[in-house]
PDB file of N, CA and C in Angstrom:
ATOM      1  N   MET A   1      19.861-290.015-145.629  1.00  0.00           N
ATOM      2  CA  MET A   1      20.260-289.035-146.699  1.00  0.00           C
ATOM      3  C   MET A   1      19.933-287.615-146.698  1.00  0.00           C
ATOM      4  N   SER A   2      18.774-287.563-146.010  1.00  0.00           N
ATOM      5  CA  SER A   2      18.216-286.045-145.730  1.00  0.00           C
ATOM      6  C   SER A   2      19.028-285.259-144.815  1.00  0.00           C
ATOM      7  N   ASN A   3      19.914-285.506-144.100  1.00  0.00           N
ATOM      8  CA  ASN A   3      20.494-285.151-143.267  1.00  0.00           C
ATOM      9  C   ASN A   3      21.943-284.458-143.928  1.00  0.00           C
ATOM     10  N   ILE A   4      22.162-285.011-144.965  1.00  0.00           N
ATOM     11  CA  ILE A   4      23.535-284.522-145.780  1.00  0.00           C
ATOM     12  C   ILE A   4      23.250-283.047-146.129  1.00  0.00           C
ATOM     13  N   LEU A   5      21.970-282.789-146.904  1.00  0.00           N
ATOM     14  CA  LEU A   5      21.821-281.578-147.477  1.00  0.00           C
ATOM     15  C   LEU A   5      21.734-280.344-146.679  1.00  0.00           C
ATOM     16  N   PRO A   6      21.133-280.535-145.668  1.00  0.00           N
ATOM     17  CA  PRO A   6      21.108-279.366-144.457  1.00  0.00           C
ATOM     18  C   PRO A   6      22.717-279.017-144.040  1.00  0.00           C
ATOM     19  N   THR A   7      23.497-280.260-143.602  1.00  0.00           N
ATOM     20  CA  THR A   7      24.826-279.858-143.346  1.00  0.00           C
ATOM     21  C   THR A   7      25.480-279.072-144.528  1.00  0.00           C
ATOM     22  N   ASP A   8      25.198-279.671-145.580  1.00  0.00           N
ATOM     23  CA  ASP A   8      26.160-278.934-146.971  1.00  0.00           C
ATOM     24  C   ASP A   8      25.760-277.363-146.687  1.00  0.00           C
ATOM     25  N   ASP A   9      24.372-277.391-147.008  1.00  0.00           N
ATOM     26  CA  ASP A   9      24.012-276.069-146.886  1.00  0.00           C
ATOM     27  C   ASP A   9      24.565-275.023-145.534  1.00  0.00           C
ATOM     28  N   ARG A  10      24.436-275.608-144.491  1.00  0.00           N
ATOM     29  CA  ARG A  10      25.008-274.839-143.439  1.00  0.00           C
ATOM     30  C   ARG A  10      26.659-274.858-143.662  1.00  0.00           C
ATOM     31  N   GLU A  11      27.257-275.840-144.001  1.00  0.00           N
ATOM     32  CA  GLU A  11      28.828-275.607-144.262  1.00  0.00           C
ATOM     33  C   GLU A  11      28.924-274.242-145.374  1.00  0.00           C
ATOM     34  N   HIS A  12      28.078-274.521-146.412  1.00  0.00           N
ATOM     35  CA  HIS A  12      28.362-273.313-147.615  1.00  0.00           C
ATOM     36  C   HIS A  12      27.770-271.792-146.896  1.00  0.00           C
ATOM     37  N   ARG A  13      26.979-271.869-146.277  1.00  0.00           N
ATOM     38  CA  ARG A  13      26.616-270.498-145.571  1.00  0.00           C
ATOM     39  C   ARG A  13      27.731-269.794-144.663  1.00  0.00           C
ATOM     40  N   LEU A  14      28.227-270.945-143.974  1.00  0.00           N
ATOM     41  CA  LEU A  14      29.331-270.700-143.013  1.00  0.00           C
ATOM     42  C   LEU A  14      30.704-270.058-144.068  1.00  0.00           C
ATOM     43  N   ILE A  15      30.968-270.914-144.920  1.00  0.00           N
ATOM     44  CA  ILE A  15      31.960-270.315-145.686  1.00  0.00           C
ATOM     45  C   ILE A  15      31.777-268.995-146.343  1.00  0.00           C
ATOM     46  N   GLU A  16      30.486-268.948-146.818  1.00  0.00           N
ATOM     47  CA  GLU A  16      30.172-267.626-147.374  1.00  0.00           C
ATOM     48  C   GLU A  16      30.482-266.407-146.203  1.00  0.00           C
ATOM     49  N   ALA A  17      30.117-266.643-144.824  1.00  0.00           N
ATOM     50  CA  ALA A  17      30.366-265.866-144.015  1.00  0.00           C
ATOM     51  C   ALA A  17      31.619-265.645-143.805  1.00  0.00           C
ATOM     52  N   VAL A  18      32.529-266.482-143.853  1.00  0.00           N
ATOM     53  CA  VAL A  18      33.713-266.221-143.489  1.00  0.00           C
ATOM     54  C   VAL A  18      34.464-265.759-144.784  1.00  0.00           C
ATOM     55  N   VAL A  19      34.139-265.912-145.798  1.00  0.00           N
ATOM     56  CA  VAL A  19      34.707-265.173-147.028  1.00  0.00           C
ATOM     57  C   VAL A  19      34.171-263.750-146.816  1.00  0.00           C
ATOM     58  N   SER A  20      32.781-263.267-146.552  1.00  0.00           N
ATOM     59  CA  SER A  20      32.523-262.037-146.335  1.00  0.00           C
ATOM     60  C   SER A  20      33.411-261.235-145.225  1.00  0.00           C
ATOM     61  N   LEU A  21      33.308-261.711-144.210  1.00  0.00           N
ATOM     62  CA  LEU A  21      34.211-261.160-143.063  1.00  0.00           C
ATOM     63  C   LEU A  21      35.753-260.860-143.679  1.00  0.00           C
ATOM     64  N   ALA A  22      36.317-261.891-144.105  1.00  0.00           N
ATOM     65  CA  ALA A  22      37.620-261.570-144.702  1.00  0.00           C
ATOM     66  C   ALA A  22      37.779-260.467-145.765  1.00  0.00           C
ATOM     67  N   LYS A  23      36.720-260.400-146.805  1.00  0.00           N
ATOM     68  CA  LYS A  23      36.508-259.151-147.648  1.00  0.00           C
ATOM     69  C   LYS A  23      36.586-257.905-146.691  1.00  0.00           C
ATOM     70  N   SER A  24      35.413-257.987-145.515  1.00  0.00           N
ATOM     71  CA  SER A  24      35.339-256.685-144.765  1.00  0.00           C
ATOM     72  C   SER A  24      36.589-256.216-144.062  1.00  0.00           C
ATOM     73  N   PHE A  25      37.210-257.062-143.443  1.00  0.00           N
ATOM     74  CA  PHE A  25      38.473-257.050-142.805  1.00  0.00           C
ATOM     75  C   PHE A  25      39.646-256.290-143.691  1.00  0.00           C
ATOM     76  N   ARG A  26      39.610-257.060-145.005  1.00  0.00           N
ATOM     77  CA  ARG A  26      40.763-256.434-145.920  1.00  0.00           C
ATOM     78  C   ARG A  26      40.334-254.815-146.557  1.00  0.00           C
ATOM     79  N   GLU A  27      38.969-254.720-146.483  1.00  0.00           N
ATOM     80  CA  GLU A  27      38.449-253.322-146.939  1.00  0.00           C
ATOM     81  C   GLU A  27      38.894-252.613-145.967  1.00  0.00           C
ATOM     82  N   GLU A  28      38.812-252.887-144.704  1.00  0.00           N
ATOM     83  CA  GLU A  28      38.790-251.819-143.475  1.00  0.00           C
ATOM     84  C   GLU A  28      40.115-251.679-143.416  1.00  0.00           C
ATOM     85  N   ARG A  29      41.417-252.777-143.430  1.00  0.00           N
ATOM     86  CA  ARG A  29      42.593-252.705-143.324  1.00  0.00           C
ATOM     87  C   ARG A  29      43.170-251.736-144.645  1.00  0.00           C
ATOM     88  N   ASP A  30      42.587-251.743-145.680  1.00  0.00           N
ATOM     89  CA  ASP A  30      42.974-250.773-146.792  1.00  0.00           C
ATOM     90  C   ASP A  30      42.602-249.397-146.290  1.00  0.00           C
ATOM     91  N   ARG A  31      41.358-249.334-146.065  1.00  0.00           N
ATOM     92  CA  ARG A  31      41.062-247.959-145.424  1.00  0.00           C
ATOM     93  C   ARG A  31      42.035-247.243-144.360  1.00  0.00           C
ATOM     94  N   LEU A  32      42.097-247.936-143.452  1.00  0.00           N
ATOM     95  CA  LEU A  32      43.120-247.596-142.328  1.00  0.00           C
ATOM     96  C   LEU A  32      44.301-247.286-142.982  1.00  0.00           C
ATOM     97  N   SER A  33      45.034-248.198-143.980  1.00  0.00           N
ATOM     98  CA  SER A  33      46.461-247.996-144.539  1.00  0.00           C
ATOM     99  C   SER A  33      46.520-246.579-145.120  1.00  0.00           C
ATOM    100  N   ARG A  34      45.280-246.139-145.981  1.00  0.00           N
ATOM    101  CA  ARG A  34      45.103-245.037-146.529  1.00  0.00           C
ATOM    102  C   ARG A  34      45.155-243.844-145.587  1.00  0.00           C
ATOM    103  N   ARG A  35      44.320-243.882-144.381  1.00  0.00           N
ATOM    104  CA  ARG A  35      44.210-242.958-143.518  1.00  0.00           C
ATOM    105  C   ARG A  35      45.651-243.050-142.675  1.00  0.00           C
ATOM    106  N   LEU A  36      46.239-243.852-142.537  1.00  0.00           N
ATOM    107  CA  LEU A  36      47.562-243.902-142.059  1.00  0.00           C
ATOM    108  C   LEU A  36      48.602-242.903-142.851  1.00  0.00           C
ATOM    109  N   SER A  37      48.575-243.280-144.338  1.00  0.00           N
ATOM    110  CA  SER A  37      49.379-242.576-144.907  1.00  0.00           C
ATOM    111  C   SER A  37      49.181-241.129-145.021  1.00  0.00           C
ATOM    112  N   GLN A  38      47.797-240.712-144.994  1.00  0.00           N
ATOM    113  CA  GLN A  38      47.402-239.344-145.193  1.00  0.00           C
ATOM    114  C   GLN A  38      47.800-238.650-143.646  1.00  0.00           C
ATOM    115  N   LEU A  39      47.733-239.388-142.435  1.00  0.00           N
ATOM    116  CA  LEU A  39      48.141-238.756-141.137  1.00  0.00           C
ATOM    117  C   LEU A  39      49.761-238.556-141.258  1.00  0.00           C
ATOM    118  N   GLU A  40      50.525-239.487-141.796  1.00  0.00           N
ATOM    119  CA  GLU A  40      51.988-239.326-141.913  1.00  0.00           C
ATOM    120  C   GLU A  40      52.341-238.225-142.923  1.00  0.00           C
ATOM    121  N   ARG A  41      51.659-237.677-143.816  1.00  0.00           N
ATOM    122  CA  ARG A  41      51.943-236.768-144.720  1.00  0.00           C
ATOM    123  C   ARG A  41      51.597-235.356-143.843  1.00  0.00           C
ATOM    124  N   GLU A  42      50.575-235.358-143.129  1.00  0.00           N
ATOM    125  CA  GLU A  42      50.007-234.235-142.265  1.00  0.00           C
ATOM    126  C   GLU A  42      51.088-234.044-141.404  1.00  0.00           C
ATOM    127  N   ILE A  43      51.689-235.235-140.708  1.00  0.00           N
ATOM    128  CA  ILE A  43      52.799-234.887-139.645  1.00  0.00           C
ATOM    129  C   ILE A  43      54.046-234.410-140.247  1.00  0.00           C
ATOM    130  N   ASP A  44      54.370-234.997-141.537  1.00  0.00           N
ATOM    131  CA  ASP A  44      55.407-234.389-142.200  1.00  0.00           C
ATOM    132  C   ASP A  44      55.610-232.819-142.475  1.00  0.00           C
ATOM    133  N   THR A  45      54.064-232.631-142.893  1.00  0.00           N
ATOM    134  CA  THR A  45      54.069-231.152-142.966  1.00  0.00           C
ATOM    135  C   THR A  45      54.222-230.355-141.966  1.00  0.00           C
ATOM    136  N   LEU A  46      53.631-230.773-140.938  1.00  0.00           N
ATOM    137  CA  LEU A  46      53.447-229.946-139.549  1.00  0.00           C
ATOM    138  C   LEU A  46      55.093-229.934-139.093  1.00  0.00           C
ATOM    139  N   ALA A  47      55.931-230.788-139.227  1.00  0.00           N
ATOM    140  CA  ALA A  47      57.336-230.799-138.676  1.00  0.00           C
ATOM    141  C   ALA A  47      58.256-229.920-139.468  1.00  0.00           C
ATOM    142  N   PHE A  48      57.546-229.975-140.935  1.00  0.00           N
ATOM    143  CA  PHE A  48      58.291-228.764-141.678  1.00  0.00           C
ATOM    144  C   PHE A  48      57.949-227.642-141.275  1.00  0.00           C
ATOM    145  N   LYS A  49      56.906-227.287-141.182  1.00  0.00           N
ATOM    146  CA  LYS A  49      56.244-225.773-140.807  1.00  0.00           C
ATOM    147  C   LYS A  49      56.988-225.563-139.276  1.00  0.00           C
ATOM    148  N   LEU A  50      57.026-226.603-138.284  1.00  0.00           N
ATOM    149  CA  LEU A  50      57.822-226.079-137.397  1.00  0.00           C
ATOM    150  C   LEU A  50      59.158-225.932-137.145  1.00  0.00           C
ATOM    151  N   ASP A  51      59.881-226.715-138.203  1.00  0.00           N
ATOM    152  CA  ASP A  51      61.475-226.613-138.466  1.00  0.00           C
ATOM    153  C   ASP A  51      61.497-225.102-139.048  1.00  0.00           C
ATOM    154  N   GLN A  52      60.738-224.822-139.806  1.00  0.00           N
ATOM    155  CA  GLN A  52      60.695-223.466-140.388  1.00  0.00           C
ATOM    156  C   GLN A  52      60.581-222.304-139.385  1.00  0.00           C
ATOM    157  N   ARG A  53      59.536-222.697-138.646  1.00  0.00           N
ATOM    158  CA  ARG A  53      59.267-221.462-137.759  1.00  0.00           C
ATOM    159  C   ARG A  53      60.347-221.385-136.796  1.00  0.00           C
ATOM    160  N   GLN A  54      60.934-222.436-136.239  1.00  0.00           N
ATOM    161  CA  GLN A  54      62.103-222.315-135.451  1.00  0.00           C
ATOM    162  C   GLN A  54      63.374-221.826-135.955  1.00  0.00           C
ATOM    163  N   ARG A  55      63.360-221.787-137.296  1.00  0.00           N
ATOM    164  CA  ARG A  55      64.422-220.978-137.901  1.00  0.00           C
ATOM    165  C   ARG A  55      64.541-219.582-137.959  1.00  0.00           C
ATOM    166  N   GLU A  56      63.204-219.331-138.464  1.00  0.00           N
ATOM    167  CA  GLU A  56      62.957-217.773-138.504  1.00  0.00           C
ATOM    168  C   GLU A  56      62.915-217.282-136.908  1.00  0.00           C
ATOM    169  N   PHE A  57      62.328-218.159-136.104  1.00  0.00           N
ATOM    170  CA  PHE A  57      62.488-217.340-134.613  1.00  0.00           C
ATOM    171  C   PHE A  57      63.013-218.249-133.693  1.00  0.00           C
ATOM    172  N   PRO A  58      64.597-218.132-133.884  1.00  0.00           N
ATOM    173  CA  PRO A  58      65.396-219.079-132.989  1.00  0.00           C
ATOM    174  C   PRO A  58      65.316-218.882-131.549  1.00  0.00           C
ATOM    175  N   GLY A  59      64.473-218.135-131.107  1.00  0.00           N
ATOM    176  CA  GLY A  59      64.475-217.866-129.364  1.00  0.00           C
ATOM    177  C   GLY A  59      63.377-218.808-128.845  1.00  0.00           C
ATOM    178  N   THR A  60      62.349-219.151-129.788  1.00  0.00           N
ATOM    179  CA  THR A  60      61.366-220.072-129.447  1.00  0.00           C
ATOM    180  C   THR A  60      61.854-221.489-129.493  1.00  0.00           C
ATOM    181  N   ALA A  61      61.566-222.137-128.458  1.00  0.00           N
ATOM    182  CA  ALA A  61      61.735-223.567-128.226  1.00  0.00           C
ATOM    183  C   ALA A  61      60.677-224.299-127.631  1.00  0.00           C
ATOM    184  N   LEU A  62      60.499-225.591-127.988  1.00  0.00           N
ATOM    185  CA  LEU A  62      59.691-226.544-127.317  1.00  0.00           C
ATOM    186  C   LEU A  62      59.691-226.743-126.161  1.00  0.00           C
ATOM    187  N   PRO A  63      58.545-226.777-125.307  1.00  0.00           N
ATOM    188  CA  PRO A  63      58.606-227.086-123.839  1.00  0.00           C
ATOM    189  C   PRO A  63      59.487-228.433-123.573  1.00  0.00           C
ATOM    190  N   ALA A  64      60.235-228.132-122.296  1.00  0.00           N
ATOM    191  CA  ALA A  64      61.097-229.394-122.037  1.00  0.00           C
ATOM    192  C   ALA A  64      60.465-230.686-121.856  1.00  0.00           C
ATOM    193  N   GLY A  65      59.281-230.359-120.904  1.00  0.00           N
ATOM    194  CA  GLY A  65      58.288-231.692-120.597  1.00  0.00           C
ATOM    195  C   GLY A  65      56.970-231.386-120.989  1.00  0.00           C
ATOM    196  N   PRO A  66      56.137-232.395-120.116  1.00  0.00           N
ATOM    197  CA  PRO A  66      54.766-232.002-120.331  1.00  0.00           C
ATOM    198  C   PRO A  66      54.304-230.895-119.445  1.00  0.00           C
ATOM    199  N   PRO A  67      53.192-230.124-119.883  1.00  0.00           N
ATOM    200  CA  PRO A  67      52.549-229.000-118.792  1.00  0.00           C
ATOM    201  C   PRO A  67      52.576-229.553-117.756  1.00  0.00           C
ATOM    202  N   THR A  68      52.771-228.614-116.827  1.00  0.00           N
ATOM    203  CA  THR A  68      52.508-228.863-115.329  1.00  0.00           C
ATOM    204  C   THR A  68      51.107-228.613-114.989  1.00  0.00           C
ATOM    205  N   GLY A  69      50.580-229.074-113.692  1.00  0.00           N
ATOM    206  CA  GLY A  69      49.300-228.759-113.591  1.00  0.00           C
ATOM    207  C   GLY A  69      48.357-230.258-113.725  1.00  0.00           C
ATOM    208  N   PRO A  70      47.162-230.378-112.912  1.00  0.00           N
ATOM    209  CA  PRO A  70      46.474-231.392-112.992  1.00  0.00           C
ATOM    210  C   PRO A  70      46.428-232.155-114.370  1.00  0.00           C
ATOM    211  N   SER A  71      46.381-233.574-114.367  1.00  0.00           N
ATOM    212  CA  SER A  71      46.174-234.350-115.465  1.00  0.00           C
ATOM    213  C   SER A  71      44.973-234.569-115.945  1.00  0.00           C
ATOM    214  N   ARG A  72      44.548-234.618-116.925  1.00  0.00           N
ATOM    215  CA  ARG A  72      43.085-234.640-117.121  1.00  0.00           C
ATOM    216  C   ARG A  72      42.971-236.366-117.761  1.00  0.00           C
ATOM    217  N   THR A  73      43.983-236.929-117.782  1.00  0.00           N
ATOM    218  CA  THR A  73      43.992-238.601-117.951  1.00  0.00           C
ATOM    219  C   THR A  73      43.397-239.547-116.653  1.00  0.00           C
ATOM    220  N   ARG A  74      42.697-240.200-117.204  1.00  0.00           N
ATOM    221  CA  ARG A  74      42.124-241.359-115.972  1.00  0.00           C
ATOM    222  C   ARG A  74      43.209-242.425-115.676  1.00  0.00           C
ATOM    223  N   SER A  75      43.223-242.450-114.351  1.00  0.00           N
ATOM    224  CA  SER A  75      44.280-243.649-114.070  1.00  0.00           C
ATOM    225  C   SER A  75      43.378-244.925-113.862  1.00  0.00           C
TER     226      SER A  75
END
């Protein structure tokens, strides 16, 4: 009979830990979702400014490809 109580206590603590992790993951997902929305708004703003600048200065164009020279990325 004494084995039942510690097992129930362990299961209860395990359930609490899983619930706590689920809550943490949900909060992190919500935080990342808000940050993604913020970054999307910033990208839209920058795209609008770029379009406006290209209309004001039609001779300026974006580079056709990546810059030449040594790459700084690791392979």
